[in-house]
Amino acid sequence: MSATRLLVLGVVRMYGRAHGYQVRRELLSWSADKWANVAPGSIYHALKKMTAERLLEEVAADAEPGEARGPDRVAYRLTPDGESEFQLMMAKSLSEDDQSPQGDYRLAAAVTFLPTLTRAKAISLLRHRITAVRAQEATTRNLVEEAEDWGQPPHVMELYRFWLITVEAKVTWLQGLVARLAGGNYVMADDDGPSFGFPG
């Protein structure tokens, strides 16, 4: 499961129907190539692949008569399976703590579309992730304590300290986000108010 896949589904969902150029322009305007490692070419690949998987469907071609239909001329929209896939990817990306860089990219993509969820669902998913990260924090803390007794090589302790500080920062951020959501911050799918382009 890639961040690109979630982002492409999310942008098509946001527009209702969108062609490849719109999806690419939107994601690049968000700088998703930097914080989610989205390569512009991978956007078109994802559109084609998810169309073949019947998560997206072609709905229109904007080409003039006699003009070739390229990836920028075909419009896409989510199928019911595409909506289910989007919801599943959102749930996994927010609740599961994948410690790889790809996991961080997926989390970033899911946070981008956080307003598509109800407030209660978003909080529930994030609390699940907090539980997983706290377990990781305890394991990392044990590593630090055990490494203090090893003595050799002493500089390895810096690596364990880095891991511990990183996981502690994750817990702090997640708890803060849950508190902000619980306090009414942000317009969510079940709230009255402007949706910022994110349909429920």
N, C-alpha and C. Protein backbone atom coordinates (compact mmCIF):
# COMPACT_ATOMS: atom_id res chain seq x y z
N MET A 1 0.85 -1.18 0.00
CA MET A 1 0.00 0.00 0.00
C MET A 1 0.89 1.24 0.00
N SER A 2 0.75 2.07 -1.02
CA SER A 2 1.62 3.24 -1.13
C SER A 2 0.87 4.52 -0.81
N ALA A 3 1.63 5.52 -0.39
CA ALA A 3 1.05 6.84 -0.15
C ALA A 3 0.48 7.41 -1.44
N THR A 4 1.15 7.15 -2.56
CA THR A 4 0.68 7.66 -3.85
C THR A 4 -0.72 7.14 -4.15
N ARG A 5 -0.93 5.87 -3.89
CA ARG A 5 -2.23 5.24 -4.14
C ARG A 5 -3.33 5.95 -3.32
N LEU A 6 -3.07 6.17 -2.05
CA LEU A 6 -4.05 6.83 -1.19
C LEU A 6 -4.28 8.27 -1.64
N LEU A 7 -3.21 8.97 -1.97
CA LEU A 7 -3.34 10.37 -2.38
C LEU A 7 -4.12 10.50 -3.69
N VAL A 8 -3.84 9.62 -4.64
CA VAL A 8 -4.56 9.68 -5.92
C VAL A 8 -6.04 9.39 -5.72
N LEU A 9 -6.36 8.35 -4.96
CA LEU A 9 -7.76 8.06 -4.67
C LEU A 9 -8.42 9.25 -3.98
N GLY A 10 -7.72 9.83 -3.03
CA GLY A 10 -8.28 10.94 -2.27
C GLY A 10 -8.55 12.17 -3.12
N VAL A 11 -7.64 12.49 -4.03
CA VAL A 11 -7.84 13.66 -4.88
C VAL A 11 -8.99 13.43 -5.86
N VAL A 12 -9.05 12.25 -6.46
CA VAL A 12 -10.16 11.96 -7.37
C VAL A 12 -11.48 12.04 -6.60
N ARG A 13 -11.49 11.50 -5.39
CA ARG A 13 -12.68 11.54 -4.54
C ARG A 13 -13.06 12.99 -4.22
N MET A 14 -12.08 13.81 -3.93
CA MET A 14 -12.30 15.21 -3.58
C MET A 14 -12.96 15.97 -4.73
N TYR A 15 -12.48 15.74 -5.95
CA TYR A 15 -13.03 16.42 -7.12
C TYR A 15 -14.36 15.81 -7.59
N GLY A 16 -14.59 14.55 -7.27
CA GLY A 16 -15.76 13.86 -7.82
C GLY A 16 -15.42 13.17 -9.12
N ARG A 17 -14.77 13.89 -9.99
CA ARG A 17 -14.15 13.33 -11.20
C ARG A 17 -12.97 14.22 -11.53
N ALA A 18 -11.91 13.62 -11.98
CA ALA A 18 -10.69 14.40 -12.26
C ALA A 18 -9.87 13.69 -13.31
N HIS A 19 -9.17 14.47 -14.12
CA HIS A 19 -8.25 13.87 -15.09
C HIS A 19 -6.84 13.89 -14.51
N GLY A 20 -5.96 13.19 -15.18
CA GLY A 20 -4.61 13.00 -14.65
C GLY A 20 -3.89 14.28 -14.35
N TYR A 21 -4.05 15.27 -15.23
CA TYR A 21 -3.35 16.53 -15.01
C TYR A 21 -3.84 17.22 -13.75
N GLN A 22 -5.17 17.17 -13.50
CA GLN A 22 -5.71 17.78 -12.29
C GLN A 22 -5.13 17.12 -11.04
N VAL A 23 -5.08 15.79 -11.05
CA VAL A 23 -4.56 15.05 -9.89
C VAL A 23 -3.09 15.43 -9.67
N ARG A 24 -2.31 15.43 -10.75
CA ARG A 24 -0.89 15.76 -10.65
C ARG A 24 -0.70 17.19 -10.14
N ARG A 25 -1.44 18.13 -10.73
CA ARG A 25 -1.32 19.54 -10.33
C ARG A 25 -1.68 19.73 -8.85
N GLU A 26 -2.74 19.08 -8.42
CA GLU A 26 -3.18 19.20 -7.03
C GLU A 26 -2.10 18.68 -6.08
N LEU A 27 -1.60 17.49 -6.35
CA LEU A 27 -0.61 16.88 -5.45
C LEU A 27 0.70 17.66 -5.44
N LEU A 28 1.13 18.15 -6.60
CA LEU A 28 2.36 18.94 -6.63
C LEU A 28 2.17 20.29 -5.95
N SER A 29 0.95 20.84 -6.00
CA SER A 29 0.70 22.11 -5.31
C SER A 29 0.75 21.92 -3.79
N TRP A 30 0.52 20.68 -3.33
CA TRP A 30 0.63 20.35 -1.90
C TRP A 30 2.07 19.98 -1.53
N SER A 31 2.98 19.96 -2.51
CA SER A 31 4.37 19.50 -2.32
C SER A 31 4.43 18.04 -1.87
N ALA A 32 3.47 17.23 -2.34
CA ALA A 32 3.45 15.82 -1.97
C ALA A 32 4.65 15.06 -2.51
N ASP A 33 5.30 15.61 -3.53
CA ASP A 33 6.52 14.97 -4.03
C ASP A 33 7.62 15.01 -2.97
N LYS A 34 7.55 15.97 -2.04
CA LYS A 34 8.57 16.09 -1.00
C LYS A 34 8.20 15.33 0.27
N TRP A 35 6.97 15.52 0.78
CA TRP A 35 6.63 14.91 2.07
C TRP A 35 5.99 13.53 1.95
N ALA A 36 5.64 13.11 0.74
CA ALA A 36 5.08 11.76 0.56
C ALA A 36 5.82 10.96 -0.49
N ASN A 37 6.93 11.52 -1.01
CA ASN A 37 7.75 10.83 -1.99
C ASN A 37 6.96 10.43 -3.25
N VAL A 38 6.05 11.32 -3.67
CA VAL A 38 5.22 11.05 -4.85
C VAL A 38 5.96 11.54 -6.09
N ALA A 39 6.32 10.62 -6.97
CA ALA A 39 6.93 10.99 -8.25
C ALA A 39 5.81 11.31 -9.22
N PRO A 40 5.92 12.42 -9.98
CA PRO A 40 4.84 12.79 -10.91
C PRO A 40 4.43 11.64 -11.84
N GLY A 41 5.40 10.88 -12.35
CA GLY A 41 5.06 9.76 -13.23
C GLY A 41 4.26 8.67 -12.54
N SER A 42 4.46 8.53 -11.23
CA SER A 42 3.75 7.48 -10.49
C SER A 42 2.27 7.79 -10.35
N ILE A 43 1.90 9.05 -10.51
CA ILE A 43 0.49 9.44 -10.43
C ILE A 43 -0.28 8.82 -11.59
N TYR A 44 0.27 8.94 -12.81
CA TYR A 44 -0.39 8.37 -13.98
C TYR A 44 -0.39 6.84 -13.91
N HIS A 45 0.70 6.28 -13.41
CA HIS A 45 0.75 4.82 -13.25
C HIS A 45 -0.34 4.36 -12.28
N ALA A 46 -0.51 5.08 -11.17
CA ALA A 46 -1.53 4.72 -10.19
C ALA A 46 -2.93 4.82 -10.78
N LEU A 47 -3.17 5.86 -11.57
CA LEU A 47 -4.49 6.00 -12.21
C LEU A 47 -4.79 4.81 -13.12
N LYS A 48 -3.82 4.43 -13.94
CA LYS A 48 -4.02 3.30 -14.85
C LYS A 48 -4.21 1.99 -14.09
N LYS A 49 -3.36 1.79 -13.08
CA LYS A 49 -3.41 0.54 -12.31
C LYS A 49 -4.74 0.41 -11.57
N MET A 50 -5.17 1.49 -10.94
CA MET A 50 -6.41 1.42 -10.17
C MET A 50 -7.64 1.36 -11.06
N THR A 51 -7.51 1.85 -12.29
CA THR A 51 -8.60 1.67 -13.26
C THR A 51 -8.69 0.20 -13.65
N ALA A 52 -7.53 -0.44 -13.88
CA ALA A 52 -7.51 -1.87 -14.21
C ALA A 52 -8.06 -2.70 -13.05
N GLU A 53 -7.85 -2.23 -11.82
CA GLU A 53 -8.35 -2.94 -10.63
C GLU A 53 -9.81 -2.60 -10.33
N ARG A 54 -10.41 -1.75 -11.13
CA ARG A 54 -11.80 -1.31 -11.00
C ARG A 54 -12.07 -0.52 -9.72
N LEU A 55 -11.02 0.17 -9.25
CA LEU A 55 -11.19 1.10 -8.14
C LEU A 55 -11.55 2.49 -8.67
N LEU A 56 -11.13 2.75 -9.91
CA LEU A 56 -11.49 3.96 -10.64
C LEU A 56 -12.13 3.56 -11.95
N GLU A 57 -12.93 4.47 -12.49
CA GLU A 57 -13.48 4.23 -13.82
C GLU A 57 -13.34 5.49 -14.65
N GLU A 58 -13.13 5.29 -15.95
CA GLU A 58 -13.07 6.41 -16.87
C GLU A 58 -14.49 6.90 -17.12
N VAL A 59 -14.68 8.23 -17.05
CA VAL A 59 -16.03 8.76 -17.21
C VAL A 59 -16.15 9.75 -18.36
N ALA A 60 -15.04 10.28 -18.84
CA ALA A 60 -15.15 11.25 -19.94
C ALA A 60 -13.79 11.44 -20.57
N ALA A 61 -13.80 11.90 -21.78
CA ALA A 61 -12.57 12.30 -22.47
C ALA A 61 -12.77 13.72 -22.95
N ASP A 62 -11.83 14.61 -22.61
CA ASP A 62 -11.96 16.01 -22.97
C ASP A 62 -11.28 16.35 -24.30
N ALA A 63 -10.76 15.35 -24.98
CA ALA A 63 -10.04 15.61 -26.23
C ALA A 63 -10.98 16.12 -27.30
N GLU A 64 -10.46 16.99 -28.14
CA GLU A 64 -11.22 17.47 -29.30
C GLU A 64 -11.32 16.32 -30.32
N PRO A 65 -12.32 16.39 -31.22
CA PRO A 65 -12.43 15.34 -32.24
C PRO A 65 -11.13 15.18 -33.02
N GLY A 66 -10.69 13.96 -33.16
CA GLY A 66 -9.46 13.67 -33.89
C GLY A 66 -8.20 13.78 -33.06
N GLU A 67 -8.31 14.30 -31.84
CA GLU A 67 -7.14 14.46 -30.96
C GLU A 67 -6.95 13.17 -30.16
N ALA A 68 -5.70 12.80 -29.98
CA ALA A 68 -5.40 11.55 -29.25
C ALA A 68 -5.84 11.68 -27.80
N ARG A 69 -6.31 10.56 -27.25
CA ARG A 69 -6.68 10.51 -25.83
C ARG A 69 -5.46 10.10 -25.04
N GLY A 70 -4.90 11.02 -24.29
CA GLY A 70 -3.77 10.72 -23.42
C GLY A 70 -4.23 10.70 -21.98
N PRO A 71 -3.30 10.45 -21.06
CA PRO A 71 -3.69 10.36 -19.65
C PRO A 71 -4.27 11.65 -19.10
N ASP A 72 -3.92 12.82 -19.69
CA ASP A 72 -4.47 14.08 -19.22
C ASP A 72 -5.85 14.36 -19.79
N ARG A 73 -6.30 13.55 -20.73
CA ARG A 73 -7.59 13.79 -21.39
C ARG A 73 -8.68 12.86 -20.88
N VAL A 74 -8.34 11.95 -20.01
CA VAL A 74 -9.31 10.99 -19.49
C VAL A 74 -9.68 11.40 -18.08
N ALA A 75 -10.98 11.46 -17.80
CA ALA A 75 -11.44 11.77 -16.44
C ALA A 75 -11.74 10.47 -15.71
N TYR A 76 -11.53 10.50 -14.41
CA TYR A 76 -11.73 9.33 -13.57
C TYR A 76 -12.65 9.67 -12.41
N ARG A 77 -13.35 8.66 -11.90
CA ARG A 77 -14.08 8.80 -10.65
C ARG A 77 -13.98 7.49 -9.89
N LEU A 78 -14.21 7.57 -8.59
CA LEU A 78 -14.14 6.36 -7.76
C LEU A 78 -15.33 5.47 -8.05
N THR A 79 -15.09 4.18 -8.07
CA THR A 79 -16.16 3.20 -8.08
C THR A 79 -16.52 2.90 -6.62
N PRO A 80 -17.60 2.14 -6.37
CA PRO A 80 -17.87 1.73 -4.99
C PRO A 80 -16.70 0.97 -4.36
N ASP A 81 -16.01 0.14 -5.16
CA ASP A 81 -14.82 -0.56 -4.64
C ASP A 81 -13.69 0.43 -4.33
N GLY A 82 -13.60 1.49 -5.14
CA GLY A 82 -12.60 2.52 -4.90
C GLY A 82 -12.87 3.26 -3.60
N GLU A 83 -14.14 3.54 -3.32
CA GLU A 83 -14.50 4.17 -2.05
C GLU A 83 -14.14 3.26 -0.87
N SER A 84 -14.44 1.98 -1.01
CA SER A 84 -14.09 1.03 0.06
C SER A 84 -12.58 0.97 0.27
N GLU A 85 -11.83 0.97 -0.83
CA GLU A 85 -10.37 0.94 -0.74
C GLU A 85 -9.84 2.20 -0.06
N PHE A 86 -10.41 3.34 -0.42
CA PHE A 86 -10.00 4.61 0.21
C PHE A 86 -10.23 4.55 1.71
N GLN A 87 -11.40 4.10 2.12
CA GLN A 87 -11.72 4.04 3.56
C GLN A 87 -10.79 3.05 4.29
N LEU A 88 -10.52 1.92 3.66
CA LEU A 88 -9.64 0.92 4.26
C LEU A 88 -8.22 1.47 4.40
N MET A 89 -7.73 2.12 3.36
CA MET A 89 -6.38 2.68 3.41
C MET A 89 -6.28 3.79 4.45
N MET A 90 -7.31 4.60 4.57
CA MET A 90 -7.32 5.63 5.61
C MET A 90 -7.23 4.99 6.99
N ALA A 91 -8.04 3.96 7.21
CA ALA A 91 -8.05 3.31 8.53
C ALA A 91 -6.69 2.70 8.86
N LYS A 92 -6.11 1.99 7.90
CA LYS A 92 -4.81 1.35 8.16
C LYS A 92 -3.71 2.38 8.34
N SER A 93 -3.71 3.40 7.51
CA SER A 93 -2.64 4.40 7.56
C SER A 93 -2.66 5.21 8.85
N LEU A 94 -3.85 5.41 9.42
CA LEU A 94 -3.95 6.17 10.66
C LEU A 94 -3.77 5.30 11.90
N SER A 95 -4.16 4.04 11.83
CA SER A 95 -4.18 3.22 13.05
C SER A 95 -2.95 2.32 13.22
N GLU A 96 -2.32 1.92 12.12
CA GLU A 96 -1.20 0.98 12.20
C GLU A 96 0.12 1.73 12.19
N ASP A 97 1.01 1.38 13.09
CA ASP A 97 2.30 2.06 13.19
C ASP A 97 3.37 1.28 12.43
N ASP A 98 3.50 1.59 11.15
CA ASP A 98 4.56 1.03 10.32
C ASP A 98 5.77 1.93 10.51
N GLN A 99 6.88 1.38 10.98
CA GLN A 99 8.04 2.19 11.35
C GLN A 99 8.96 2.51 10.17
N SER A 100 8.58 2.11 8.97
CA SER A 100 9.41 2.38 7.79
C SER A 100 9.14 3.79 7.27
N PRO A 101 10.04 4.32 6.43
CA PRO A 101 9.74 5.62 5.79
C PRO A 101 8.44 5.59 5.00
N GLN A 102 8.13 4.46 4.37
CA GLN A 102 6.87 4.35 3.63
C GLN A 102 5.67 4.50 4.56
N GLY A 103 5.81 3.99 5.78
CA GLY A 103 4.74 4.14 6.77
C GLY A 103 4.52 5.60 7.13
N ASP A 104 5.61 6.36 7.22
CA ASP A 104 5.49 7.80 7.50
C ASP A 104 4.81 8.52 6.33
N TYR A 105 5.13 8.12 5.10
CA TYR A 105 4.49 8.73 3.94
C TYR A 105 2.99 8.45 3.94
N ARG A 106 2.62 7.21 4.28
CA ARG A 106 1.19 6.86 4.31
C ARG A 106 0.46 7.63 5.41
N LEU A 107 1.11 7.79 6.56
CA LEU A 107 0.50 8.57 7.64
C LEU A 107 0.29 10.02 7.18
N ALA A 108 1.29 10.59 6.53
CA ALA A 108 1.17 11.96 6.03
C ALA A 108 0.01 12.08 5.04
N ALA A 109 -0.13 11.09 4.16
CA ALA A 109 -1.22 11.10 3.18
C ALA A 109 -2.57 11.02 3.88
N ALA A 110 -2.67 10.16 4.90
CA ALA A 110 -3.93 10.00 5.61
C ALA A 110 -4.30 11.26 6.39
N VAL A 111 -3.32 11.92 6.99
CA VAL A 111 -3.59 13.16 7.72
C VAL A 111 -4.12 14.22 6.76
N THR A 112 -3.63 14.21 5.53
CA THR A 112 -4.11 15.16 4.52
C THR A 112 -5.62 15.02 4.33
N PHE A 113 -6.13 13.80 4.39
CA PHE A 113 -7.55 13.56 4.16
C PHE A 113 -8.32 13.30 5.46
N LEU A 114 -7.75 13.69 6.58
CA LEU A 114 -8.40 13.49 7.89
C LEU A 114 -9.83 14.02 7.92
N PRO A 115 -10.12 15.20 7.31
CA PRO A 115 -11.49 15.72 7.36
C PRO A 115 -12.53 14.86 6.65
N THR A 116 -12.11 13.83 5.90
CA THR A 116 -13.09 12.95 5.25
C THR A 116 -13.71 11.97 6.23
N LEU A 117 -13.16 11.89 7.44
CA LEU A 117 -13.66 10.97 8.45
C LEU A 117 -14.53 11.69 9.47
N THR A 118 -15.39 10.94 10.13
CA THR A 118 -16.10 11.53 11.26
C THR A 118 -15.10 11.77 12.39
N ARG A 119 -15.42 12.68 13.26
CA ARG A 119 -14.53 13.00 14.38
C ARG A 119 -14.28 11.76 15.25
N ALA A 120 -15.34 11.03 15.56
CA ALA A 120 -15.20 9.86 16.43
C ALA A 120 -14.33 8.79 15.79
N LYS A 121 -14.50 8.58 14.49
CA LYS A 121 -13.70 7.55 13.82
C LYS A 121 -12.23 7.94 13.78
N ALA A 122 -11.95 9.20 13.47
CA ALA A 122 -10.56 9.67 13.43
C ALA A 122 -9.90 9.49 14.79
N ILE A 123 -10.60 9.88 15.84
CA ILE A 123 -10.05 9.75 17.20
C ILE A 123 -9.81 8.29 17.55
N SER A 124 -10.75 7.42 17.21
CA SER A 124 -10.62 5.99 17.51
C SER A 124 -9.40 5.39 16.80
N LEU A 125 -9.23 5.70 15.53
CA LEU A 125 -8.09 5.18 14.76
C LEU A 125 -6.76 5.67 15.34
N LEU A 126 -6.70 6.95 15.68
CA LEU A 126 -5.47 7.51 16.22
C LEU A 126 -5.16 6.95 17.61
N ARG A 127 -6.18 6.70 18.40
CA ARG A 127 -5.94 6.09 19.72
C ARG A 127 -5.38 4.68 19.58
N HIS A 128 -5.84 3.98 18.57
CA HIS A 128 -5.30 2.64 18.30
C HIS A 128 -3.81 2.75 17.97
N ARG A 129 -3.46 3.75 17.18
CA ARG A 129 -2.05 3.94 16.83
C ARG A 129 -1.23 4.32 18.06
N ILE A 130 -1.79 5.13 18.94
CA ILE A 130 -1.08 5.51 20.17
C ILE A 130 -0.72 4.26 20.98
N THR A 131 -1.64 3.33 21.07
CA THR A 131 -1.37 2.08 21.80
C THR A 131 -0.17 1.36 21.20
N ALA A 132 -0.14 1.27 19.87
CA ALA A 132 0.97 0.59 19.19
C ALA A 132 2.29 1.33 19.40
N VAL A 133 2.24 2.66 19.34
CA VAL A 133 3.47 3.44 19.48
C VAL A 133 3.97 3.41 20.92
N ARG A 134 3.05 3.36 21.87
CA ARG A 134 3.47 3.25 23.28
C ARG A 134 4.19 1.93 23.53
N ALA A 135 3.74 0.86 22.89
CA ALA A 135 4.43 -0.43 23.02
C ALA A 135 5.83 -0.33 22.43
N GLN A 136 5.93 0.35 21.30
CA GLN A 136 7.24 0.57 20.68
C GLN A 136 8.13 1.42 21.59
N GLU A 137 7.53 2.41 22.25
CA GLU A 137 8.28 3.27 23.17
C GLU A 137 8.85 2.45 24.33
N ALA A 138 8.04 1.56 24.88
CA ALA A 138 8.50 0.72 26.00
C ALA A 138 9.65 -0.18 25.56
N THR A 139 9.53 -0.77 24.38
CA THR A 139 10.58 -1.64 23.87
C THR A 139 11.88 -0.86 23.67
N THR A 140 11.75 0.34 23.10
CA THR A 140 12.94 1.16 22.84
C THR A 140 13.59 1.61 24.15
N ARG A 141 12.77 1.94 25.14
CA ARG A 141 13.30 2.34 26.44
C ARG A 141 14.10 1.18 27.07
N ASN A 142 13.58 -0.03 26.93
CA ASN A 142 14.30 -1.20 27.43
C ASN A 142 15.64 -1.37 26.73
N LEU A 143 15.66 -1.12 25.41
CA LEU A 143 16.91 -1.21 24.67
C LEU A 143 17.94 -0.22 25.22
N VAL A 144 17.48 0.99 25.51
CA VAL A 144 18.39 2.01 26.04
C VAL A 144 18.95 1.56 27.39
N GLU A 145 18.08 1.06 28.24
CA GLU A 145 18.52 0.63 29.58
C GLU A 145 19.49 -0.54 29.50
N GLU A 146 19.21 -1.49 28.60
CA GLU A 146 20.10 -2.64 28.45
C GLU A 146 21.43 -2.23 27.84
N ALA A 147 21.38 -1.29 26.89
CA ALA A 147 22.61 -0.85 26.23
C ALA A 147 23.55 -0.15 27.19
N GLU A 148 23.02 0.48 28.22
CA GLU A 148 23.86 1.15 29.21
C GLU A 148 24.77 0.16 29.92
N ASP A 149 24.34 -1.09 30.01
CA ASP A 149 25.14 -2.12 30.68
C ASP A 149 26.17 -2.76 29.75
N TRP A 150 25.99 -2.61 28.44
CA TRP A 150 26.90 -3.27 27.52
C TRP A 150 28.29 -2.64 27.56
N GLY A 151 28.31 -1.32 27.53
CA GLY A 151 29.59 -0.62 27.62
C GLY A 151 30.38 -0.53 26.32
N GLN A 152 30.23 -1.48 25.41
CA GLN A 152 31.04 -1.49 24.19
C GLN A 152 30.15 -1.71 22.97
N PRO A 153 30.33 -0.97 21.91
CA PRO A 153 31.02 0.33 21.87
C PRO A 153 30.10 1.40 22.44
N PRO A 154 30.59 2.31 23.24
CA PRO A 154 29.74 3.26 23.96
C PRO A 154 28.94 4.20 23.06
N HIS A 155 29.45 4.51 21.86
CA HIS A 155 28.75 5.46 21.00
C HIS A 155 27.44 4.92 20.44
N VAL A 156 27.23 3.60 20.49
CA VAL A 156 25.99 3.00 19.98
C VAL A 156 24.79 3.51 20.78
N MET A 157 25.05 3.92 22.03
CA MET A 157 23.98 4.48 22.86
C MET A 157 23.28 5.63 22.16
N GLU A 158 24.02 6.39 21.35
CA GLU A 158 23.41 7.55 20.68
C GLU A 158 22.31 7.12 19.72
N LEU A 159 22.50 5.99 19.09
CA LEU A 159 21.47 5.48 18.18
C LEU A 159 20.20 5.13 18.95
N TYR A 160 20.36 4.44 20.07
CA TYR A 160 19.19 4.09 20.88
C TYR A 160 18.50 5.33 21.44
N ARG A 161 19.29 6.32 21.85
CA ARG A 161 18.70 7.58 22.35
C ARG A 161 17.90 8.27 21.25
N PHE A 162 18.44 8.25 20.03
CA PHE A 162 17.73 8.85 18.90
C PHE A 162 16.40 8.15 18.67
N TRP A 163 16.40 6.82 18.67
CA TRP A 163 15.17 6.06 18.48
C TRP A 163 14.14 6.40 19.56
N LEU A 164 14.62 6.50 20.81
CA LEU A 164 13.70 6.76 21.92
C LEU A 164 13.09 8.15 21.79
N ILE A 165 13.92 9.15 21.49
CA ILE A 165 13.40 10.51 21.34
C ILE A 165 12.39 10.58 20.19
N THR A 166 12.67 9.85 19.12
CA THR A 166 11.77 9.84 17.96
C THR A 166 10.41 9.26 18.32
N VAL A 167 10.41 8.13 19.02
CA VAL A 167 9.14 7.49 19.36
C VAL A 167 8.40 8.30 20.42
N GLU A 168 9.11 8.93 21.33
CA GLU A 168 8.46 9.80 22.32
C GLU A 168 7.78 10.99 21.63
N ALA A 169 8.45 11.53 20.61
CA ALA A 169 7.86 12.64 19.85
C ALA A 169 6.59 12.20 19.13
N LYS A 170 6.59 10.97 18.60
CA LYS A 170 5.38 10.45 17.95
C LYS A 170 4.22 10.40 18.92
N VAL A 171 4.47 9.88 20.12
CA VAL A 171 3.41 9.77 21.13
C VAL A 171 2.87 11.15 21.47
N THR A 172 3.77 12.10 21.69
CA THR A 172 3.36 13.46 22.04
C THR A 172 2.49 14.08 20.95
N TRP A 173 2.93 13.93 19.69
CA TRP A 173 2.16 14.49 18.57
C TRP A 173 0.79 13.83 18.45
N LEU A 174 0.75 12.49 18.52
CA LEU A 174 -0.51 11.78 18.39
C LEU A 174 -1.49 12.16 19.50
N GLN A 175 -1.00 12.24 20.73
CA GLN A 175 -1.86 12.63 21.84
C GLN A 175 -2.38 14.05 21.64
N GLY A 176 -1.52 14.93 21.16
CA GLY A 176 -1.95 16.30 20.90
C GLY A 176 -3.01 16.37 19.81
N LEU A 177 -2.83 15.59 18.75
CA LEU A 177 -3.81 15.58 17.66
C LEU A 177 -5.15 15.07 18.15
N VAL A 178 -5.14 13.99 18.94
CA VAL A 178 -6.39 13.45 19.49
C VAL A 178 -7.06 14.50 20.38
N ALA A 179 -6.28 15.17 21.20
CA ALA A 179 -6.84 16.21 22.08
C ALA A 179 -7.45 17.35 21.27
N ARG A 180 -6.78 17.75 20.20
CA ARG A 180 -7.31 18.83 19.37
C ARG A 180 -8.60 18.41 18.68
N LEU A 181 -8.64 17.18 18.19
CA LEU A 181 -9.86 16.69 17.57
C LEU A 181 -10.99 16.60 18.58
N ALA A 182 -10.70 16.06 19.75
CA ALA A 182 -11.70 15.93 20.81
C ALA A 182 -12.20 17.31 21.26
N GLY A 183 -11.34 18.31 21.16
CA GLY A 183 -11.71 19.67 21.54
C GLY A 183 -12.46 20.43 20.46
N GLY A 184 -12.70 19.80 19.33
CA GLY A 184 -13.50 20.42 18.28
C GLY A 184 -12.70 21.08 17.17
N ASN A 185 -11.39 20.94 17.19
CA ASN A 185 -10.59 21.54 16.11
C ASN A 185 -10.88 20.83 14.78
N TYR A 186 -10.83 21.58 13.71
CA TYR A 186 -10.95 21.10 12.34
C TYR A 186 -12.40 20.72 12.01
N VAL A 187 -12.77 20.93 10.78
CA VAL A 187 -14.11 20.58 10.30
C VAL A 187 -14.05 19.16 9.77
N MET A 188 -14.76 18.26 10.42
CA MET A 188 -14.74 16.85 10.06
C MET A 188 -16.00 16.49 9.26
N ALA A 189 -16.06 15.26 8.78
CA ALA A 189 -17.13 14.84 7.87
C ALA A 189 -18.52 14.96 8.48
N ASP A 190 -18.63 14.83 9.80
CA ASP A 190 -19.94 14.90 10.45
C ASP A 190 -20.23 16.26 11.07
N ASP A 191 -19.43 17.28 10.74
CA ASP A 191 -19.63 18.62 11.27
C ASP A 191 -20.36 19.50 10.26
N ASP A 192 -21.04 20.53 10.78
CA ASP A 192 -21.59 21.56 9.92
C ASP A 192 -20.48 22.55 9.63
N GLY A 193 -20.48 23.08 8.43
CA GLY A 193 -19.45 24.05 8.09
C GLY A 193 -18.78 23.71 6.78
N PRO A 194 -17.87 24.58 6.35
CA PRO A 194 -17.19 24.34 5.08
C PRO A 194 -16.36 23.08 5.13
N SER A 195 -16.40 22.30 4.06
CA SER A 195 -15.71 21.00 4.04
C SER A 195 -14.31 21.09 3.47
N PHE A 196 -13.89 22.25 3.00
CA PHE A 196 -12.57 22.42 2.40
C PHE A 196 -12.35 21.45 1.25
N GLY A 197 -13.42 21.16 0.50
CA GLY A 197 -13.30 20.33 -0.68
C GLY A 197 -13.29 18.85 -0.42
N PHE A 198 -13.56 18.44 0.84
CA PHE A 198 -13.53 17.02 1.16
C PHE A 198 -14.96 16.53 1.38
N PRO A 199 -15.55 15.86 0.39
CA PRO A 199 -16.89 15.34 0.60
C PRO A 199 -16.90 14.22 1.61
N GLY A 200 -18.00 14.05 2.31
CA GLY A 200 -18.10 13.00 3.33
C GLY A 200 -18.28 11.65 2.72
